Protein backbone atom coordinates (compact mmCIF):
# COMPACT_ATOMS: atom_id res chain seq x y z
CA MET A 1 -88.77 -95.34 2.93
CA LEU A 2 -86.69 -92.85 5.05
CA VAL A 3 -83.66 -93.59 3.49
CA VAL A 4 -85.22 -92.14 0.47
CA LEU A 5 -87.15 -89.81 2.27
CA ALA A 6 -83.22 -88.28 3.71
CA VAL A 7 -81.51 -88.81 0.60
CA VAL A 8 -84.39 -86.70 -1.06
CA ILE A 9 -83.80 -83.74 1.00
CA GLY A 10 -80.48 -83.94 1.11
CA LEU A 11 -80.62 -83.29 -2.63
CA ALA A 12 -82.98 -80.81 -2.36
CA SER A 13 -81.13 -78.88 0.51
CA LEU A 14 -77.74 -79.00 -1.48
CA THR A 15 -79.45 -78.03 -4.81
CA ALA A 16 -80.96 -74.58 -2.38
CA ILE A 17 -77.30 -74.22 -1.03
CA GLY A 18 -75.80 -74.10 -4.38
CA GLU A 19 -78.33 -72.14 -6.27
CA HIS A 20 -77.67 -69.38 -3.21
CA ARG A 21 -73.62 -70.07 -3.90
CA ARG A 22 -74.36 -68.74 -7.18
CA GLY A 23 -76.64 -65.63 -6.58
CA GLY A 24 -79.96 -66.79 -6.51
CA ARG A 25 -83.40 -64.80 -4.69
CA PRO A 26 -84.12 -66.10 -1.71
CA ALA A 27 -87.58 -67.23 -3.26
CA VAL A 28 -85.79 -68.96 -6.09
CA VAL A 29 -83.54 -70.74 -4.04
CA VAL A 30 -86.50 -71.96 -2.44
CA ILE A 31 -87.75 -73.05 -5.65
CA ALA A 32 -84.75 -75.24 -6.64
CA GLY A 33 -84.44 -76.90 -3.60
CA LEU A 34 -87.71 -78.12 -4.17
CA PHE A 35 -87.71 -79.33 -7.74
CA PHE A 36 -83.86 -80.05 -7.64
CA PRO A 37 -83.55 -81.85 -11.08
CA LEU A 38 -84.87 -78.76 -12.74
CA ALA A 39 -82.74 -76.49 -11.41
CA TRP A 40 -79.77 -79.24 -12.69
CA ILE A 41 -80.86 -78.94 -16.01
CA ALA A 42 -81.17 -75.21 -16.28
CA TRP A 43 -77.78 -75.01 -14.62
CA TYR A 44 -76.09 -77.80 -17.02
CA ALA A 45 -77.89 -75.71 -20.09
CA HIS A 46 -76.54 -72.15 -18.80
CA ASP A 47 -73.37 -73.79 -17.85
CA GLU A 48 -72.72 -75.00 -21.68
CA GLN A 49 -74.35 -72.03 -23.42
CA SER A 50 -71.44 -69.64 -21.00
CA PRO A 51 -68.27 -68.48 -22.79
CA ARG A 52 -65.56 -70.62 -21.49
CA ARG A 53 -62.51 -69.76 -19.82
CA ARG A 54 -59.55 -71.56 -20.25
């Protein structure tokens, strides 16, 4: 149980850090950390629709 909690907290923290690096405001950073699977989906959808640089 403790390992699962540590993994979830780790993923949430890394997601919050990633959102901060993407320029998110503090409130958005916290929300992204709490709902990290949804943040990943939003990032994927945003990145797929952005023009690709080659």
